[in-house]
Amino acid sequence: MGYLVLARKYRPQTFAEVVGQEHVVRTLKNAISQNRLAHALLFSGIRGVGKTTIARILAKALNCDKGPAEEPCNECSACREITEGRAVDVQEIDAASNRGIDEIRELRENVKFPPSRLRTKVYIIDEAHMLTREAFNALLKTLEEPPPHVYFILATTEAQRIPITILSRCQRYDFKRLPLQRLLVHLKDICKKEGVQIHEDALLLLAKEAEGSVRDALSLLDQAISSGIKTQEDLIQTFGLADRMLVEDLARAVLAQDLARSFHVIDQAFEQGVDLTYLVQGLTEFFRHLLAIKVSPTGTLDDIPEGELSTLRALSLDSSPEMLVLLFQIFLKALETLRLSQFPKLSLELTVAKACEIGKIVSLEEILEKVTDLQKKIGNLPSQTPREVERTTNIALQDQLTWKNFVAEVKKRKPALGSLLDTMAQPRVENGLLVLEIPQNSLLTAKEYQEDLKSLARELLHQELKFHITAPQENTSVRQKLLEKPIVQEALKVLGGKISEIKVHNQTQEDHPCKTCKV
């Protein structure tokens, strides 16, 4: 016989050998001992955590010559037939390739007949979510009321794709990912049985890459043994996995806002042949762990070795939660970008550059302190400039209207004129008069429009309106006026910021130079 891979060689044959699914094993054993096992079971969980394995063990436990028993003996003919895949009464159906209604109709006809050799018939439907809607519908009645000698076990990695009508007819068992330390212990045990020596840090990296899947971990271990890997460095060079030290170095550089150092680490990883996607994945997890420790300093992360945990605690002291949330978000988003990018190194460098720049943000607490300081200082500033005070004291309007309401009234009476006013800035007050700035190319330069507007201003605002035709070069920049405001200058001084963009909106009453005009 050819070489048997580790995932098959060390596949559990009894409930006692199952790793990491104690809650499922305990419930099934109790159900067998009390003769309360449901006729339809749904095993849900990620790949490689034991769904099909436990289904086979359960089939043996139900048909064991010494049972039904909590543990199969693996010695009787029934147990051996099931283990070797020769039992005609235990059928494993791959729903990915047998997903149609015809296959389910054939199954439905076969369940009517009693077992040929064993005590019960067991149908294990793997990847059950791949069945078509019609196939699920054809299975409904049989699944709800099967013959007493039939058991159905549906295994799936995507339980959300199983119709609710099927779910309601099954007892559901959710299989968990294996914790990192538990998976590490399992890999050590396999290495001991195989008589190979691999350093613990290399096994830890393999366990991390498996992401809780026993089968994935054993497949990686099989490849590592075949490659003669002994140390973590060997593993990184062979598999191109992200070294923890590279991840830590890059994280430190980003936290220190050292872009040059960050680029150097990326170059180093690239030259070593490290998969940059794995590097970003490790970096994302690193910042996630930093955030978890920052928000709960007394808490522990069970899946992290103590040495790495102490490093995380030390780094978290100098980082704010706001900063860590942003970095976590940036690299999580970059992970998807890198997987699709044709230039992953450039994409990573751009992401790191953004992260280093965002690192210069000010914490929320500091901003609130500066805003409070600014409010105190503004309270000591004059609310109006001397020129504005002069303007307001020279104005005495009766039955005042807001400029907005004035324009609205003009639109009612003279729609064309009102539409033109909408394009104009609000008037300023000069020597007791309202002065409206009109560009040279405006239709409001026409005398008939100006006469109508003056008449309406006298009637509605009780105010004389004067027009100032401005050439383009004479028109003062509104942005420059805003920049020169004392409150803006004081804000820049207190917050230590700079103006990156200015958007001019319609003025409110506070912005309008005529304080009594309610604009």
Protein backbone atom coordinates (compact mmCIF):
# COMPACT_ATOMS: atom_id res chain seq x y z
CA MET A 1 0.00 0.00 0.00
CA GLY A 2 1.19 3.53 -0.79
CA TYR A 3 1.96 6.21 1.75
CA LEU A 4 -0.99 7.16 3.96
CA VAL A 5 -1.10 10.88 4.71
CA LEU A 6 -1.22 11.98 8.33
CA ALA A 7 -4.77 13.28 8.07
CA ARG A 8 -5.97 9.75 7.23
CA LYS A 9 -3.45 7.84 9.32
CA TYR A 10 -4.44 9.64 12.52
CA ARG A 11 -8.16 10.02 11.81
CA PRO A 12 -10.00 9.22 15.08
CA GLN A 13 -11.76 5.86 15.18
CA THR A 14 -13.50 6.32 18.54
CA PHE A 15 -15.17 9.23 20.30
CA ALA A 16 -12.33 9.26 22.83
CA GLU A 17 -9.81 10.04 20.08
CA VAL A 18 -11.71 13.05 18.75
CA VAL A 19 -9.85 16.31 19.41
CA GLY A 20 -11.61 19.49 20.41
CA GLN A 21 -15.32 18.67 19.94
CA GLU A 22 -16.16 17.51 23.45
CA HIS A 23 -19.57 19.18 23.47
CA VAL A 24 -20.68 17.23 20.40
CA VAL A 25 -19.19 13.92 21.55
CA ARG A 26 -20.75 14.21 25.01
CA THR A 27 -24.23 14.88 23.61
CA LEU A 28 -24.08 12.03 21.10
CA LYS A 29 -22.84 9.51 23.65
CA ASN A 30 -25.61 10.50 26.07
CA ALA A 31 -28.20 10.20 23.30
CA ILE A 32 -26.97 6.68 22.43
CA SER A 33 -26.93 5.51 26.04
CA GLN A 34 -30.45 6.84 26.66
CA ASN A 35 -31.76 5.60 23.29
CA ARG A 36 -32.77 9.16 22.39
CA LEU A 37 -30.72 9.70 19.23
CA ALA A 38 -32.56 11.74 16.62
CA HIS A 39 -33.08 10.18 13.21
CA ALA A 40 -31.78 13.32 11.40
CA LEU A 41 -28.65 15.20 12.47
CA LEU A 42 -26.96 18.26 10.98
CA PHE A 43 -23.22 18.70 11.59
CA SER A 44 -22.12 22.26 10.85
CA GLY A 45 -18.62 23.74 11.01
CA ILE A 46 -15.54 24.77 9.06
CA ARG A 47 -13.48 22.31 7.04
CA GLY A 48 -11.40 19.70 8.81
CA VAL A 49 -12.85 19.83 12.33
CA GLY A 50 -14.27 16.30 12.44
CA LYS A 51 -17.80 16.37 10.99
CA THR A 52 -17.44 13.36 8.70
CA THR A 53 -15.17 11.58 11.18
CA ILE A 54 -17.72 11.78 13.98
CA ALA A 55 -20.48 10.74 11.56
CA ARG A 56 -18.52 7.54 10.80
CA ILE A 57 -17.83 6.87 14.47
CA LEU A 58 -21.54 7.35 15.21
CA ALA A 59 -22.43 4.89 12.45
CA LYS A 60 -20.06 2.34 14.04
CA ALA A 61 -21.48 2.98 17.51
CA LEU A 62 -25.02 2.32 16.23
CA ASN A 63 -24.08 -0.87 14.38
CA CYS A 64 -21.39 -2.34 16.64
CA ASP A 65 -22.01 -6.00 17.53
CA LYS A 66 -21.63 -4.98 21.17
CA GLY A 67 -23.96 -2.02 20.86
CA PRO A 68 -25.55 0.30 20.28
CA ALA A 69 -22.64 1.49 22.42
CA GLU A 70 -21.18 4.78 23.53
CA GLU A 71 -17.88 3.68 21.99
CA PRO A 72 -17.47 1.32 19.02
CA CYS A 73 -15.22 -1.68 19.64
CA ASN A 74 -13.50 -1.41 16.22
CA GLU A 75 -12.97 -5.17 16.38
CA CYS A 76 -16.25 -6.67 15.22
CA SER A 77 -17.03 -7.21 11.55
CA ALA A 78 -19.52 -4.32 11.47
CA CYS A 79 -16.97 -1.82 12.84
CA ARG A 80 -14.27 -3.06 10.48
CA GLU A 81 -16.55 -2.84 7.44
CA ILE A 82 -17.52 0.73 8.25
CA THR A 83 -13.92 1.74 8.97
CA GLU A 84 -12.76 0.26 5.66
CA GLY A 85 -15.70 1.78 3.75
CA ARG A 86 -17.14 -1.62 2.74
CA ALA A 87 -20.44 -1.45 4.62
CA VAL A 88 -23.32 -1.37 2.13
CA ASP A 89 -25.70 -0.08 4.81
CA VAL A 90 -23.56 2.98 5.58
CA GLN A 91 -23.48 5.25 2.55
CA GLU A 92 -21.49 8.44 2.22
CA ILE A 93 -23.01 10.68 -0.42
CA ASP A 94 -21.05 13.61 -1.84
CA ALA A 95 -23.76 16.20 -2.37
CA ALA A 96 -21.43 18.29 -4.53
CA SER A 97 -21.51 15.64 -7.28
CA ASN A 98 -24.87 14.02 -6.41
CA ARG A 99 -26.95 17.11 -5.91
CA GLY A 100 -29.92 16.57 -8.20
CA ILE A 101 -33.45 15.40 -7.62
CA ASP A 102 -32.85 12.07 -9.38
CA GLU A 103 -30.20 11.02 -6.85
CA ILE A 104 -32.47 11.96 -3.93
CA ARG A 105 -35.39 10.06 -5.47
CA GLU A 106 -33.18 6.96 -5.68
CA LEU A 107 -32.14 7.45 -2.04
CA ARG A 108 -35.78 7.86 -1.05
CA GLU A 109 -36.66 4.55 -2.67
CA ASN A 110 -33.72 2.69 -1.07
CA VAL A 111 -34.51 3.77 2.51
CA LYS A 112 -37.71 1.74 2.40
CA PHE A 113 -35.77 -1.53 2.38
CA PRO A 114 -34.33 -2.93 5.64
CA PRO A 115 -30.55 -3.09 6.19
CA SER A 116 -28.78 -5.89 4.30
CA ARG A 117 -26.13 -6.66 6.89
CA LEU A 118 -26.06 -4.17 9.76
CA ARG A 119 -28.53 -3.14 12.44
CA THR A 120 -29.35 0.25 10.90
CA LYS A 121 -28.89 2.16 7.68
CA VAL A 122 -26.89 5.39 7.97
CA TYR A 123 -26.79 7.99 5.20
CA ILE A 124 -23.99 10.55 5.55
CA ILE A 125 -24.62 13.43 3.13
CA ASP A 126 -21.42 15.48 2.93
CA GLU A 127 -21.49 19.12 1.76
CA ALA A 128 -25.27 19.02 2.10
CA HIS A 129 -25.65 22.69 1.22
CA MET A 130 -24.78 21.80 -2.41
CA LEU A 131 -28.09 19.99 -2.94
CA THR A 132 -30.50 21.76 -5.26
CA ARG A 133 -33.77 23.23 -4.03
CA GLU A 134 -35.70 20.47 -5.79
CA ALA A 135 -33.51 17.82 -4.14
CA PHE A 136 -34.11 19.32 -0.71
CA ASN A 137 -37.85 19.36 -1.35
CA ALA A 138 -37.77 15.72 -2.42
CA LEU A 139 -35.96 14.83 0.82
CA LEU A 140 -38.35 16.66 3.16
CA LYS A 141 -40.90 13.90 3.80
CA THR A 142 -38.32 11.15 4.15
CA LEU A 143 -36.24 13.26 6.49
CA GLU A 144 -39.24 14.02 8.68
CA GLU A 145 -40.63 10.48 8.92
CA PRO A 146 -37.95 7.95 7.93
CA PRO A 147 -38.26 4.22 8.64
CA PRO A 148 -37.11 3.29 12.18
CA HIS A 149 -33.97 1.61 10.86
CA VAL A 150 -32.65 4.73 9.03
CA TYR A 151 -30.50 7.63 10.26
CA PHE A 152 -29.53 10.71 8.26
CA ILE A 153 -26.39 12.75 9.04
CA LEU A 154 -25.99 15.94 7.00
CA ALA A 155 -22.57 17.62 7.12
CA THR A 156 -22.03 21.15 5.85
CA THR A 157 -19.61 24.05 6.03
CA GLU A 158 -22.37 26.55 5.15
CA ALA A 159 -25.38 25.92 7.35
CA GLN A 160 -26.94 29.22 6.27
CA ARG A 161 -27.54 27.73 2.83
CA ILE A 162 -29.61 24.86 4.21
CA PRO A 163 -33.36 25.58 3.79
CA ILE A 164 -35.21 26.28 7.02
CA THR A 165 -37.58 23.41 6.22
CA ILE A 166 -34.61 21.02 6.42
CA LEU A 167 -33.13 22.67 9.52
CA SER A 168 -36.40 22.29 11.40
CA ARG A 169 -36.32 18.52 10.81
CA CYS A 170 -32.75 18.04 12.10
CA GLN A 171 -30.92 18.27 15.39
CA ARG A 172 -28.09 20.72 14.76
CA TYR A 173 -24.56 20.30 16.14
CA ASP A 174 -22.11 23.18 15.65
CA PHE A 175 -18.47 22.15 15.44
CA LYS A 176 -15.92 24.65 16.76
CA ARG A 177 -12.49 25.65 15.51
CA LEU A 178 -9.73 24.11 17.58
CA PRO A 179 -8.01 26.60 19.92
CA LEU A 180 -4.42 27.36 18.94
CA GLN A 181 -2.83 25.78 22.00
CA ARG A 182 -4.96 22.64 21.69
CA LEU A 183 -3.96 22.27 18.05
CA LEU A 184 -0.30 22.81 18.98
CA VAL A 185 -0.47 20.00 21.54
CA HIS A 186 -2.03 17.72 18.92
CA LEU A 187 0.76 18.46 16.43
CA LYS A 188 3.40 17.76 19.07
CA ASP A 189 1.74 14.41 19.79
CA ILE A 190 1.73 13.49 16.09
CA CYS A 191 5.41 14.44 15.77
CA LYS A 192 6.23 12.26 18.75
CA LYS A 193 4.38 9.31 17.24
CA GLU A 194 6.12 9.85 13.89
CA GLY A 195 9.52 10.17 15.54
CA VAL A 196 10.33 13.59 14.03
CA GLN A 197 11.83 16.63 15.73
CA ILE A 198 10.34 20.02 14.82
CA HIS A 199 10.80 23.07 17.00
CA GLU A 200 7.77 24.31 18.88
CA ASP A 201 7.87 27.77 17.27
CA ALA A 202 7.60 26.12 13.83
CA LEU A 203 4.66 23.98 14.97
CA LEU A 204 3.03 27.09 16.42
CA LEU A 205 3.27 28.82 13.05
CA LEU A 206 1.74 25.76 11.37
CA ALA A 207 -1.10 25.77 13.89
CA LYS A 208 -1.76 29.45 13.20
CA GLU A 209 -1.90 28.85 9.47
CA ALA A 210 -4.41 26.02 9.96
CA GLU A 211 -6.89 28.50 11.53
CA GLY A 212 -8.48 25.90 13.77
CA SER A 213 -8.71 23.10 11.19
CA VAL A 214 -7.16 19.79 12.26
CA ARG A 215 -7.00 18.46 8.72
CA ASP A 216 -5.28 21.61 7.43
CA ALA A 217 -2.78 21.43 10.29
CA LEU A 218 -1.94 17.79 9.56
CA SER A 219 -1.61 18.47 5.83
CA LEU A 220 0.85 21.29 6.54
CA LEU A 221 2.72 19.10 9.02
CA ASP A 222 2.92 16.31 6.43
CA GLN A 223 4.47 18.71 3.94
CA ALA A 224 6.85 20.11 6.56
CA ILE A 225 8.09 16.63 7.49
CA SER A 226 8.57 15.74 3.83
CA SER A 227 10.59 18.95 3.34
CA GLY A 228 12.84 18.16 6.27
CA ILE A 229 11.79 21.29 8.16
CA LYS A 230 13.11 21.58 11.70
CA THR A 231 12.96 25.28 12.62
CA GLN A 232 10.70 28.23 12.07
CA GLU A 233 13.24 29.76 9.68
CA ASP A 234 13.14 26.61 7.55
CA LEU A 235 9.37 26.78 7.52
CA ILE A 236 9.30 30.42 6.45
CA GLN A 237 11.78 29.85 3.64
CA THR A 238 9.94 26.75 2.37
CA PHE A 239 6.33 27.92 2.72
CA GLY A 240 6.84 31.67 2.38
CA LEU A 241 4.92 32.33 5.57
CA ALA A 242 5.18 35.64 7.43
CA ASP A 243 7.75 35.56 10.21
CA ARG A 244 6.44 36.82 13.53
CA MET A 245 9.52 39.01 13.92
CA LEU A 246 8.90 40.65 10.54
CA VAL A 247 5.32 41.34 11.55
CA GLU A 248 6.45 42.79 14.86
CA ASP A 249 9.17 44.93 13.22
CA LEU A 250 6.71 46.34 10.69
CA ALA A 251 4.11 47.01 13.40
CA ARG A 252 6.69 48.85 15.51
CA ALA A 253 7.74 50.96 12.51
CA VAL A 254 4.13 51.88 11.74
CA LEU A 255 3.42 52.79 15.37
CA ALA A 256 6.57 54.95 15.40
CA GLN A 257 5.46 56.62 12.11
CA ASP A 258 8.82 55.61 10.64
CA LEU A 259 8.04 55.22 6.95
CA ALA A 260 11.66 54.59 5.95
CA ARG A 261 11.94 51.72 8.42
CA SER A 262 8.57 50.36 7.27
CA PHE A 263 9.72 50.27 3.64
CA HIS A 264 12.94 48.54 4.71
CA VAL A 265 11.00 45.77 6.47
CA ILE A 266 8.75 45.31 3.43
CA ASP A 267 11.82 45.03 1.19
CA GLN A 268 13.30 42.49 3.59
CA ALA A 269 10.12 40.38 3.52
CA PHE A 270 9.94 40.62 -0.27
CA GLU A 271 13.56 39.49 -0.68
CA GLN A 272 12.96 36.53 1.65
CA GLY A 273 10.07 35.40 -0.52
CA VAL A 274 7.47 35.99 2.18
CA ASP A 275 3.93 36.04 0.85
CA LEU A 276 2.91 39.67 1.40
CA THR A 277 -0.71 38.67 1.87
CA TYR A 278 0.33 36.54 4.84
CA LEU A 279 2.42 39.46 6.11
CA VAL A 280 -0.59 41.79 6.06
CA GLN A 281 -2.76 39.10 7.62
CA GLY A 282 -0.26 38.76 10.45
CA LEU A 283 -0.09 42.54 10.79
CA THR A 284 -3.89 42.79 10.96
CA GLU A 285 -4.04 40.15 13.67
CA PHE A 286 -1.20 41.92 15.52
CA PHE A 287 -3.11 45.22 15.70
CA ARG A 288 -6.28 43.36 16.61
CA HIS A 289 -4.47 41.79 19.57
CA LEU A 290 -3.02 45.18 20.53
CA LEU A 291 -6.52 46.68 20.54
CA ALA A 292 -7.91 43.78 22.60
CA ILE A 293 -5.20 44.22 25.22
CA LYS A 294 -5.59 48.01 25.22
CA VAL A 295 -9.32 47.92 25.97
CA SER A 296 -8.89 45.12 28.52
CA PRO A 297 -5.38 45.30 30.03
CA THR A 298 -6.14 42.71 32.69
CA GLY A 299 -7.56 40.25 30.20
CA THR A 300 -5.58 37.55 28.44
CA LEU A 301 -5.60 36.12 24.95
CA ASP A 302 -5.54 32.36 25.28
CA ASP A 303 -4.25 31.75 21.76
CA ILE A 304 -1.06 33.82 22.21
CA PRO A 305 2.16 32.57 23.82
CA GLU A 306 3.23 34.39 26.97
CA GLY A 307 6.36 35.85 25.35
CA GLU A 308 4.35 37.46 22.54
CA LEU A 309 1.71 38.56 25.03
CA SER A 310 4.24 40.55 27.08
CA THR A 311 5.42 42.33 23.90
CA LEU A 312 1.85 43.25 23.02
CA ARG A 313 1.21 44.61 26.50
CA ALA A 314 4.32 46.79 26.32
CA LEU A 315 3.42 48.20 22.89
CA SER A 316 -0.18 48.87 23.88
CA LEU A 317 0.92 51.30 26.60
CA ASP A 318 2.03 53.92 24.07
CA SER A 319 -0.93 53.56 21.70
CA SER A 320 -4.40 55.06 21.96
CA PRO A 321 -7.53 52.99 21.23
CA GLU A 322 -8.46 55.41 18.42
CA MET A 323 -5.10 54.86 16.73
CA LEU A 324 -5.31 51.06 17.02
CA VAL A 325 -8.86 51.00 15.64
CA LEU A 326 -7.74 52.99 12.60
CA LEU A 327 -4.71 50.78 11.98
CA PHE A 328 -6.80 47.64 12.43
CA GLN A 329 -9.28 48.99 9.89
CA ILE A 330 -6.59 50.08 7.39
CA PHE A 331 -4.81 46.73 7.26
CA LEU A 332 -8.01 44.70 7.26
CA LYS A 333 -9.11 46.62 4.18
CA ALA A 334 -5.63 46.25 2.66
CA LEU A 335 -5.85 42.48 3.04
CA GLU A 336 -8.62 42.29 0.43
CA THR A 337 -6.86 44.80 -1.82
CA LEU A 338 -3.61 42.81 -1.81
CA ARG A 339 -5.34 39.59 -2.81
CA LEU A 340 -6.62 41.25 -5.98
CA SER A 341 -3.68 43.51 -6.74
CA GLN A 342 -1.28 42.83 -9.60
CA PHE A 343 1.38 44.78 -7.69
CA PRO A 344 1.08 43.58 -4.07
CA LYS A 345 4.36 45.16 -2.92
CA LEU A 346 3.37 48.60 -4.17
CA SER A 347 -0.10 48.21 -2.67
CA LEU A 348 1.41 47.29 0.69
CA GLU A 349 3.83 50.23 0.59
CA LEU A 350 0.97 52.62 -0.15
CA THR A 351 -1.06 51.16 2.72
CA VAL A 352 1.86 51.50 5.13
CA ALA A 353 2.45 55.09 3.98
CA LYS A 354 -1.18 55.92 4.74
CA ALA A 355 -0.92 54.20 8.11
CA CYS A 356 2.17 56.19 9.05
CA GLU A 357 0.50 59.44 8.02
CA ILE A 358 -2.70 58.66 9.91
CA GLY A 359 -0.50 57.96 12.89
CA LYS A 360 -0.07 61.70 13.25
CA ILE A 361 -3.67 62.19 14.34
CA VAL A 362 -4.48 63.76 17.68
CA SER A 363 -6.41 61.74 20.23
CA LEU A 364 -10.00 62.67 21.02
CA GLU A 365 -9.09 63.69 24.56
CA GLU A 366 -6.48 66.17 23.29
CA ILE A 367 -8.92 67.64 20.78
CA LEU A 368 -11.55 68.16 23.48
CA GLU A 369 -8.99 69.84 25.71
CA LYS A 370 -7.92 72.18 22.91
CA VAL A 371 -11.54 72.95 21.98
CA THR A 372 -12.24 73.88 25.61
CA ASP A 373 -9.17 76.11 25.58
CA LEU A 374 -10.32 77.67 22.32
CA GLN A 375 -13.77 78.40 23.74
CA LYS A 376 -12.21 80.21 26.68
CA LYS A 377 -10.01 82.30 24.40
CA ILE A 378 -12.85 83.11 22.01
CA GLY A 379 -14.86 84.33 24.97
CA ASN A 380 -12.24 87.06 25.44
CA LEU A 381 -12.32 88.12 21.77
CA PRO A 382 -14.60 90.91 20.57
CA SER A 383 -17.70 89.40 19.04
CA GLN A 384 -17.52 91.94 16.19
CA THR A 385 -14.72 93.81 14.54
CA PRO A 386 -14.79 97.65 14.94
CA ARG A 387 -15.85 98.00 11.33
CA GLU A 388 -18.75 95.61 11.88
CA VAL A 389 -19.83 97.52 14.99
CA GLU A 390 -19.86 100.75 12.98
CA ARG A 391 -21.94 99.13 10.32
CA THR A 392 -24.54 97.75 12.71
CA THR A 393 -24.94 101.05 14.59
CA ASN A 394 -25.57 102.95 11.34
CA ILE A 395 -28.40 100.65 10.32
CA ALA A 396 -31.95 101.05 11.58
CA LEU A 397 -34.40 99.00 9.57
CA GLN A 398 -38.10 98.75 10.23
CA ASP A 399 -40.11 95.59 9.64
CA GLN A 400 -36.88 93.77 8.99
CA LEU A 401 -36.76 90.83 6.60
CA THR A 402 -34.04 88.28 6.13
CA TRP A 403 -32.23 88.53 2.82
CA LYS A 404 -33.39 85.01 2.05
CA ASN A 405 -37.02 86.00 2.55
CA PHE A 406 -36.45 89.16 0.53
CA VAL A 407 -35.15 87.12 -2.40
CA ALA A 408 -38.11 84.75 -2.06
CA GLU A 409 -40.53 87.69 -2.23
CA VAL A 410 -38.73 89.07 -5.27
CA LYS A 411 -39.09 85.66 -6.96
CA LYS A 412 -42.84 85.81 -6.44
CA ARG A 413 -43.15 89.23 -7.99
CA LYS A 414 -40.38 89.08 -10.59
CA PRO A 415 -39.17 85.50 -11.06
CA ALA A 416 -36.32 86.35 -13.45
CA LEU A 417 -34.94 88.99 -11.09
CA GLY A 418 -35.23 86.68 -8.08
CA SER A 419 -33.32 83.93 -9.90
CA LEU A 420 -30.50 86.38 -10.62
CA LEU A 421 -30.32 87.36 -6.94
CA ASP A 422 -29.87 83.68 -6.03
CA THR A 423 -26.53 83.73 -7.83
CA MET A 424 -25.29 86.81 -5.97
CA ALA A 425 -23.50 87.01 -2.64
CA GLN A 426 -25.47 88.77 0.09
CA PRO A 427 -25.02 92.56 0.27
CA ARG A 428 -22.65 94.30 2.62
CA VAL A 429 -23.41 97.38 4.72
CA GLU A 430 -21.50 100.54 3.88
CA ASN A 431 -22.30 103.97 5.35
CA GLY A 432 -25.86 102.99 6.11
CA LEU A 433 -26.52 101.52 2.66
CA LEU A 434 -26.79 97.96 1.41
CA VAL A 435 -24.18 97.45 -1.28
CA LEU A 436 -24.64 94.54 -3.65
CA GLU A 437 -21.58 93.32 -5.55
CA ILE A 438 -22.37 92.61 -9.21
CA PRO A 439 -19.84 91.03 -11.60
CA GLN A 440 -19.33 92.82 -14.91
CA ASN A 441 -20.92 90.04 -16.93
CA SER A 442 -24.07 89.78 -14.82
CA LEU A 443 -27.54 90.59 -16.22
CA LEU A 444 -28.07 92.73 -13.13
CA THR A 445 -25.95 95.41 -14.75
CA ALA A 446 -29.04 96.25 -16.84
CA LYS A 447 -30.72 99.45 -15.60
CA GLU A 448 -34.25 98.05 -15.70
CA TYR A 449 -33.28 95.23 -13.32
CA GLN A 450 -31.47 97.63 -11.00
CA GLU A 451 -34.43 100.05 -10.85
CA ASP A 452 -36.86 97.24 -10.04
CA LEU A 453 -34.55 95.89 -7.34
CA LYS A 454 -34.04 99.31 -5.73
CA SER A 455 -37.79 99.84 -5.64
CA LEU A 456 -38.40 96.48 -3.99
CA ALA A 457 -35.62 97.12 -1.42
CA ARG A 458 -37.27 100.40 -0.42
CA GLU A 459 -40.66 98.75 -0.13
CA LEU A 460 -39.70 95.55 1.66
CA LEU A 461 -36.45 96.33 3.49
CA HIS A 462 -37.03 100.08 3.95
CA GLN A 463 -33.43 100.41 2.88
CA GLU A 464 -31.59 102.02 -0.01
CA LEU A 465 -29.77 99.54 -2.20
CA LYS A 466 -26.61 100.48 -4.04
CA PHE A 467 -24.83 98.49 -6.74
CA HIS A 468 -21.11 98.01 -7.14
CA ILE A 469 -19.96 96.64 -10.48
CA THR A 470 -16.78 94.64 -9.89
CA ALA A 471 -14.18 93.66 -12.45
CA PRO A 472 -12.73 90.13 -12.00
CA GLN A 473 -9.38 91.49 -10.81
CA GLU A 474 -11.08 93.76 -8.25
CA ASN A 475 -13.15 91.01 -6.66
CA THR A 476 -11.68 90.17 -3.22
CA SER A 477 -11.27 86.44 -2.53
CA VAL A 478 -13.95 85.14 -0.18
CA ARG A 479 -11.57 82.42 0.92
CA GLN A 480 -8.96 84.98 1.89
CA LYS A 481 -11.54 86.85 3.95
CA LEU A 482 -12.45 83.69 5.79
CA LEU A 483 -8.80 82.89 6.47
CA GLU A 484 -8.29 86.36 7.96
CA LYS A 485 -11.12 85.97 10.47
CA PRO A 486 -9.77 86.15 14.07
CA ILE A 487 -11.67 83.02 15.13
CA VAL A 488 -10.11 81.02 12.27
CA GLN A 489 -6.61 82.21 13.11
CA GLU A 490 -7.13 81.44 16.78
CA ALA A 491 -8.42 77.94 15.96
CA LEU A 492 -5.35 77.22 13.84
CA LYS A 493 -3.11 78.44 16.62
CA VAL A 494 -4.77 76.42 19.38
CA LEU A 495 -5.31 73.18 17.44
CA GLY A 496 -2.00 73.35 15.62
CA GLY A 497 -3.69 72.54 12.30
CA LYS A 498 -3.77 73.86 8.77
CA ILE A 499 -6.51 74.68 6.27
CA SER A 500 -6.73 71.93 3.67
CA GLU A 501 -9.99 72.95 1.99
CA ILE A 502 -12.56 75.74 2.17
CA LYS A 503 -16.15 75.41 1.04
CA VAL A 504 -18.22 78.59 0.87
CA HIS A 505 -21.84 78.03 1.85
CA ASN A 506 -24.76 80.46 2.03
CA GLN A 507 -24.15 82.84 4.91
CA THR A 508 -26.10 82.62 8.13
CA GLN A 509 -27.07 85.58 10.27
CA GLU A 510 -23.79 85.37 12.19
CA ASP A 511 -21.75 85.52 8.99
CA HIS A 512 -23.67 88.41 7.41
CA PRO A 513 -22.07 91.82 7.95
CA CYS A 514 -25.45 93.39 8.57
CA LYS A 515 -26.20 92.09 12.08
CA THR A 516 -29.69 93.63 12.19
CA CYS A 517 -30.78 92.16 8.89
CA LYS A 518 -31.56 88.67 10.28
CA VAL A 519 -29.99 87.08 7.21
